[in-house]
Amino acid sequence: MNRDRIEGSWNLWGGKAEEQWSKLIGDESGLNAARQRQLAGSIQLRRGNSKEEAERQIRDFLYRNRDWNLSRRWFRQ
């Protein structure tokens, strides 16, 4: 297991903790940032990309899909 995958696992875990904290205090922008951190961590974990590469991929996706809302969920928890 390379360092990027370990970092991805840490970012995924940290993003989940950050998401719970943001839900607790009612911080919508923090919630979106936590979900983006989780997504970057998931990309790192699955593909072994660096943090910068994962963030670049997310940024490019969001730029190409400007109408897409990160906080909108297609499923219920």
N, C-alpha and C. Protein backbone atom coordinates (compact mmCIF):
# COMPACT_ATOMS: atom_id res chain seq x y z
N MET A 1 0.85 -1.17 0.00
CA MET A 1 0.00 0.00 0.00
C MET A 1 0.90 1.24 0.00
N ASN A 2 0.68 2.11 -0.95
CA ASN A 2 1.55 3.29 -1.02
C ASN A 2 1.02 4.44 -0.15
N ARG A 3 1.83 5.46 -0.03
CA ARG A 3 1.53 6.58 0.87
C ARG A 3 0.25 7.31 0.47
N ASP A 4 -0.02 7.45 -0.83
CA ASP A 4 -1.21 8.17 -1.28
C ASP A 4 -2.48 7.44 -0.86
N ARG A 5 -2.46 6.13 -0.87
CA ARG A 5 -3.64 5.37 -0.43
C ARG A 5 -3.87 5.52 1.07
N ILE A 6 -2.79 5.55 1.84
CA ILE A 6 -2.92 5.75 3.28
C ILE A 6 -3.45 7.15 3.57
N GLU A 7 -2.93 8.14 2.85
CA GLU A 7 -3.42 9.51 3.00
C GLU A 7 -4.90 9.59 2.61
N GLY A 8 -5.27 8.86 1.56
CA GLY A 8 -6.67 8.85 1.13
C GLY A 8 -7.58 8.28 2.20
N SER A 9 -7.13 7.22 2.85
CA SER A 9 -7.91 6.63 3.93
C SER A 9 -8.07 7.62 5.07
N TRP A 10 -7.01 8.32 5.40
CA TRP A 10 -7.06 9.33 6.45
C TRP A 10 -8.00 10.47 6.08
N ASN A 11 -7.95 10.94 4.83
CA ASN A 11 -8.83 12.02 4.39
C ASN A 11 -10.29 11.58 4.38
N LEU A 12 -10.53 10.33 4.02
CA LEU A 12 -11.89 9.81 4.03
C LEU A 12 -12.43 9.80 5.46
N TRP A 13 -11.65 9.30 6.40
CA TRP A 13 -12.05 9.25 7.80
C TRP A 13 -12.22 10.67 8.36
N GLY A 14 -11.26 11.54 8.08
CA GLY A 14 -11.33 12.92 8.56
C GLY A 14 -12.52 13.67 7.99
N GLY A 15 -12.85 13.40 6.73
CA GLY A 15 -14.01 14.03 6.10
C GLY A 15 -15.31 13.60 6.75
N LYS A 16 -15.38 12.32 7.13
CA LYS A 16 -16.59 11.84 7.81
C LYS A 16 -16.75 12.49 9.17
N ALA A 17 -15.65 12.62 9.91
CA ALA A 17 -15.70 13.28 11.21
C ALA A 17 -16.08 14.75 11.05
N GLU A 18 -15.49 15.40 10.05
CA GLU A 18 -15.79 16.81 9.78
C GLU A 18 -17.26 16.99 9.37
N GLU A 19 -17.79 16.03 8.61
CA GLU A 19 -19.20 16.10 8.20
C GLU A 19 -20.12 16.01 9.42
N GLN A 20 -19.82 15.10 10.33
CA GLN A 20 -20.65 14.98 11.53
C GLN A 20 -20.60 16.25 12.38
N TRP A 21 -19.41 16.84 12.49
CA TRP A 21 -19.27 18.08 13.25
C TRP A 21 -20.07 19.20 12.59
N SER A 22 -20.00 19.30 11.27
CA SER A 22 -20.73 20.35 10.56
C SER A 22 -22.23 20.16 10.70
N LYS A 23 -22.70 18.92 10.70
CA LYS A 23 -24.13 18.66 10.91
C LYS A 23 -24.52 19.09 12.32
N LEU A 24 -23.67 18.82 13.29
CA LEU A 24 -23.95 19.15 14.68
C LEU A 24 -24.10 20.66 14.89
N ILE A 25 -23.22 21.44 14.27
CA ILE A 25 -23.27 22.89 14.47
C ILE A 25 -24.09 23.61 13.40
N GLY A 26 -24.56 22.87 12.39
CA GLY A 26 -25.40 23.46 11.36
C GLY A 26 -24.65 24.31 10.36
N ASP A 27 -23.44 23.94 10.03
CA ASP A 27 -22.60 24.70 9.10
C ASP A 27 -22.68 24.07 7.71
N GLU A 28 -23.47 24.67 6.82
CA GLU A 28 -23.68 24.12 5.49
C GLU A 28 -22.42 24.14 4.63
N SER A 29 -21.66 25.23 4.69
CA SER A 29 -20.44 25.30 3.88
C SER A 29 -19.39 24.31 4.38
N GLY A 30 -19.33 24.11 5.69
CA GLY A 30 -18.43 23.10 6.26
C GLY A 30 -18.84 21.70 5.86
N LEU A 31 -20.15 21.48 5.75
CA LEU A 31 -20.67 20.18 5.33
C LEU A 31 -20.25 19.88 3.90
N ASN A 32 -20.35 20.87 3.04
CA ASN A 32 -19.93 20.68 1.64
C ASN A 32 -18.44 20.43 1.54
N ALA A 33 -17.65 21.16 2.31
CA ALA A 33 -16.19 20.96 2.30
C ALA A 33 -15.83 19.57 2.82
N ALA A 34 -16.56 19.10 3.82
CA ALA A 34 -16.30 17.76 4.37
C ALA A 34 -16.61 16.68 3.33
N ARG A 35 -17.70 16.86 2.61
CA ARG A 35 -18.06 15.88 1.58
C ARG A 35 -17.04 15.89 0.44
N GLN A 36 -16.54 17.07 0.12
CA GLN A 36 -15.51 17.15 -0.92
C GLN A 36 -14.22 16.49 -0.45
N ARG A 37 -13.88 16.65 0.82
CA ARG A 37 -12.70 15.99 1.39
C ARG A 37 -12.87 14.47 1.37
N GLN A 38 -14.08 14.00 1.68
CA GLN A 38 -14.35 12.56 1.62
C GLN A 38 -14.19 12.04 0.19
N LEU A 39 -14.69 12.79 -0.76
CA LEU A 39 -14.57 12.37 -2.15
C LEU A 39 -13.12 12.32 -2.60
N ALA A 40 -12.34 13.32 -2.22
CA ALA A 40 -10.92 13.32 -2.55
C ALA A 40 -10.22 12.13 -1.90
N GLY A 41 -10.56 11.85 -0.65
CA GLY A 41 -9.98 10.70 0.04
C GLY A 41 -10.34 9.40 -0.62
N SER A 42 -11.58 9.30 -1.08
CA SER A 42 -12.01 8.08 -1.77
C SER A 42 -11.27 7.89 -3.09
N ILE A 43 -11.05 8.98 -3.82
CA ILE A 43 -10.30 8.90 -5.08
C ILE A 43 -8.86 8.48 -4.79
N GLN A 44 -8.27 9.05 -3.76
CA GLN A 44 -6.90 8.68 -3.40
C GLN A 44 -6.82 7.21 -3.01
N LEU A 45 -7.77 6.76 -2.22
CA LEU A 45 -7.75 5.39 -1.72
C LEU A 45 -7.93 4.38 -2.85
N ARG A 46 -8.85 4.65 -3.75
CA ARG A 46 -9.15 3.69 -4.82
C ARG A 46 -8.14 3.73 -5.97
N ARG A 47 -7.66 4.91 -6.31
CA ARG A 47 -6.78 5.04 -7.47
C ARG A 47 -5.31 5.22 -7.13
N GLY A 48 -5.02 5.59 -5.89
CA GLY A 48 -3.64 5.82 -5.50
C GLY A 48 -3.08 7.13 -6.01
N ASN A 49 -3.96 8.08 -6.33
CA ASN A 49 -3.52 9.40 -6.79
C ASN A 49 -3.05 10.25 -5.62
N SER A 50 -2.27 11.27 -5.93
CA SER A 50 -1.87 12.21 -4.88
C SER A 50 -3.06 13.08 -4.49
N LYS A 51 -2.93 13.77 -3.36
CA LYS A 51 -4.00 14.65 -2.89
C LYS A 51 -4.26 15.76 -3.89
N GLU A 52 -3.21 16.32 -4.43
CA GLU A 52 -3.36 17.41 -5.40
C GLU A 52 -4.07 16.94 -6.66
N GLU A 53 -3.73 15.72 -7.12
CA GLU A 53 -4.37 15.17 -8.32
C GLU A 53 -5.85 14.90 -8.06
N ALA A 54 -6.19 14.36 -6.92
CA ALA A 54 -7.59 14.10 -6.58
C ALA A 54 -8.38 15.40 -6.50
N GLU A 55 -7.82 16.41 -5.86
CA GLU A 55 -8.49 17.71 -5.78
C GLU A 55 -8.63 18.36 -7.15
N ARG A 56 -7.63 18.18 -8.01
CA ARG A 56 -7.71 18.73 -9.37
C ARG A 56 -8.84 18.05 -10.15
N GLN A 57 -8.98 16.74 -10.00
CA GLN A 57 -10.04 16.02 -10.69
C GLN A 57 -11.42 16.49 -10.23
N ILE A 58 -11.57 16.70 -8.93
CA ILE A 58 -12.85 17.19 -8.40
C ILE A 58 -13.12 18.59 -8.92
N ARG A 59 -12.10 19.46 -8.88
CA ARG A 59 -12.25 20.84 -9.36
C ARG A 59 -12.63 20.86 -10.84
N ASP A 60 -11.98 20.01 -11.64
CA ASP A 60 -12.30 19.94 -13.07
C ASP A 60 -13.72 19.45 -13.29
N PHE A 61 -14.13 18.45 -12.52
CA PHE A 61 -15.50 17.93 -12.63
C PHE A 61 -16.52 19.01 -12.30
N LEU A 62 -16.28 19.72 -11.18
CA LEU A 62 -17.21 20.76 -10.79
C LEU A 62 -17.24 21.91 -11.79
N TYR A 63 -16.10 22.20 -12.43
CA TYR A 63 -16.07 23.24 -13.45
C TYR A 63 -16.88 22.82 -14.67
N ARG A 64 -16.70 21.56 -15.09
CA ARG A 64 -17.44 21.07 -16.25
C ARG A 64 -18.93 20.95 -15.98
N ASN A 65 -19.30 20.72 -14.74
CA ASN A 65 -20.70 20.54 -14.36
C ASN A 65 -21.12 21.64 -13.39
N ARG A 66 -21.05 22.86 -13.84
CA ARG A 66 -21.31 24.01 -12.98
C ARG A 66 -22.71 24.01 -12.39
N ASP A 67 -23.67 23.41 -13.07
CA ASP A 67 -25.05 23.39 -12.59
C ASP A 67 -25.27 22.33 -11.52
N TRP A 68 -24.28 21.46 -11.33
CA TRP A 68 -24.41 20.38 -10.37
C TRP A 68 -24.19 20.92 -8.97
N ASN A 69 -25.07 20.56 -8.04
CA ASN A 69 -25.00 21.05 -6.67
C ASN A 69 -24.41 19.96 -5.80
N LEU A 70 -23.27 20.22 -5.17
CA LEU A 70 -22.57 19.24 -4.35
C LEU A 70 -23.39 18.83 -3.14
N SER A 71 -24.20 19.72 -2.61
CA SER A 71 -24.96 19.39 -1.41
C SER A 71 -26.23 18.59 -1.72
N ARG A 72 -26.63 18.53 -2.97
CA ARG A 72 -27.83 17.77 -3.33
C ARG A 72 -27.52 16.29 -3.32
N ARG A 73 -28.36 15.53 -2.70
CA ARG A 73 -28.13 14.09 -2.60
C ARG A 73 -29.21 13.37 -3.40
N TRP A 74 -28.82 12.34 -4.07
CA TRP A 74 -29.75 11.57 -4.90
C TRP A 74 -30.36 10.41 -4.12
N PHE A 75 -29.95 10.24 -2.91
CA PHE A 75 -30.48 9.16 -2.10
C PHE A 75 -30.64 9.65 -0.67
N ARG A 76 -31.43 8.98 0.07
CA ARG A 76 -31.65 9.34 1.49
C ARG A 76 -30.80 8.46 2.37
N GLN A 77 -30.35 9.05 3.46
CA GLN A 77 -29.55 8.27 4.40
C GLN A 77 -30.42 7.72 5.50
